[in-house]
Amino acid sequence: MADGVNRFLGDTPGRTIIKLLVVCLIVGFVLAIFGFTPNNIVDNIRYYFLDLWYNGFRALGQVGDYLLLGAIVVIPIFLVLRLFSYRR
């Protein structure tokens, strides 16, 4: 079973934890330089999904408007083309 865990982690669990801690420290330092905080990142992710949720439903509500707007242009052109092709 230990071989399966080592294969999954890519190394022994202890060495993998040490590597992850070092990478987390470096990434955290770089993000702190740019002014990111954990709360800032979590809030931005939350706002992103809320905005996507509300705008997605707003876009679905506008499907009828898009359909009508397209029909105003497409249907007359279709009828004119059918009339011209009917005479031949």
Protein backbone atom coordinates (compact mmCIF):
# COMPACT_ATOMS: atom_id res chain seq x y z
CA MET A 1 0.00 0.00 0.00
CA ALA A 2 2.89 2.37 0.70
CA ASP A 3 4.08 1.95 -2.89
CA GLY A 4 0.66 3.04 -4.16
CA VAL A 5 0.72 6.16 -1.97
CA ASN A 6 4.28 6.98 -3.03
CA ARG A 7 3.35 6.52 -6.68
CA PHE A 8 0.27 8.73 -6.27
CA LEU A 9 2.18 11.50 -4.48
CA GLY A 10 5.29 11.21 -6.62
CA ASP A 11 7.52 10.78 -3.57
CA THR A 12 7.25 9.82 0.07
CA PRO A 13 4.50 11.61 2.04
CA GLY A 14 6.99 13.49 4.22
CA ARG A 15 9.00 14.83 1.30
CA THR A 16 5.82 15.74 -0.56
CA ILE A 17 4.53 17.72 2.43
CA ILE A 18 7.86 19.59 2.69
CA LYS A 19 7.78 20.42 -1.04
CA LEU A 20 4.19 21.61 -0.83
CA LEU A 21 4.98 23.81 2.17
CA VAL A 22 7.91 25.44 0.34
CA VAL A 23 5.84 26.06 -2.80
CA CYS A 24 2.94 27.44 -0.71
CA LEU A 25 5.33 29.80 1.07
CA ILE A 26 6.80 31.10 -2.20
CA VAL A 27 3.41 31.54 -3.89
CA GLY A 28 2.00 33.21 -0.78
CA PHE A 29 4.92 35.63 -0.69
CA VAL A 30 4.48 36.54 -4.35
CA LEU A 31 0.72 37.02 -3.95
CA ALA A 32 1.29 39.20 -0.88
CA ILE A 33 3.61 41.40 -2.93
CA PHE A 34 0.78 42.01 -5.38
CA GLY A 35 -1.63 42.80 -2.54
CA PHE A 36 -3.73 39.66 -2.52
CA THR A 37 -5.16 38.35 0.72
CA PRO A 38 -7.00 35.07 1.34
CA ASN A 39 -10.27 36.93 1.98
CA ASN A 40 -9.77 38.98 -1.18
CA ILE A 41 -9.32 35.85 -3.32
CA VAL A 42 -12.30 34.03 -1.78
CA ASP A 43 -14.54 37.10 -2.14
CA ASN A 44 -13.50 37.61 -5.78
CA ILE A 45 -14.27 33.97 -6.61
CA ARG A 46 -17.64 34.27 -4.88
CA TYR A 47 -18.49 37.53 -6.70
CA TYR A 48 -17.41 35.99 -10.01
CA PHE A 49 -19.85 33.09 -9.67
CA LEU A 50 -22.67 35.35 -8.43
CA ASP A 51 -22.11 37.70 -11.36
CA LEU A 52 -22.04 34.76 -13.75
CA TRP A 53 -25.28 33.45 -12.21
CA TYR A 54 -27.16 36.75 -12.53
CA ASN A 55 -25.82 37.72 -15.96
CA GLY A 56 -26.42 34.23 -17.28
CA PHE A 57 -30.10 34.39 -16.42
CA ARG A 58 -30.32 37.92 -17.76
CA ALA A 59 -28.87 36.69 -21.05
CA LEU A 60 -31.43 33.86 -21.13
CA GLY A 61 -34.15 36.44 -20.59
CA GLN A 62 -32.89 38.37 -23.61
CA VAL A 63 -33.06 35.34 -25.92
CA GLY A 64 -36.55 36.39 -26.99
CA ASP A 65 -35.29 39.89 -27.78
CA TYR A 66 -32.43 38.45 -29.82
CA LEU A 67 -34.83 36.14 -31.66
CA LEU A 68 -37.20 38.99 -32.52
CA LEU A 69 -34.38 41.29 -33.60
CA GLY A 70 -32.92 38.62 -35.86
CA ALA A 71 -36.33 37.73 -37.27
CA ILE A 72 -36.95 41.35 -38.27
CA VAL A 73 -33.93 41.12 -40.56
CA VAL A 74 -33.90 37.46 -41.60
CA ILE A 75 -37.57 36.81 -42.43
CA PRO A 76 -37.98 39.64 -44.99
CA ILE A 77 -34.71 38.67 -46.69
CA PHE A 78 -35.83 35.03 -46.77
CA LEU A 79 -39.19 35.97 -48.28
CA VAL A 80 -37.61 38.18 -50.94
CA LEU A 81 -35.13 35.46 -51.89
CA ARG A 82 -37.94 32.86 -52.08
CA LEU A 83 -40.03 35.18 -54.27
CA PHE A 84 -37.13 35.73 -56.69
CA SER A 85 -36.34 32.02 -56.86
CA TYR A 86 -40.06 31.13 -57.35
CA ARG A 87 -40.24 33.06 -60.65
CA ARG A 88 -37.57 30.91 -62.28
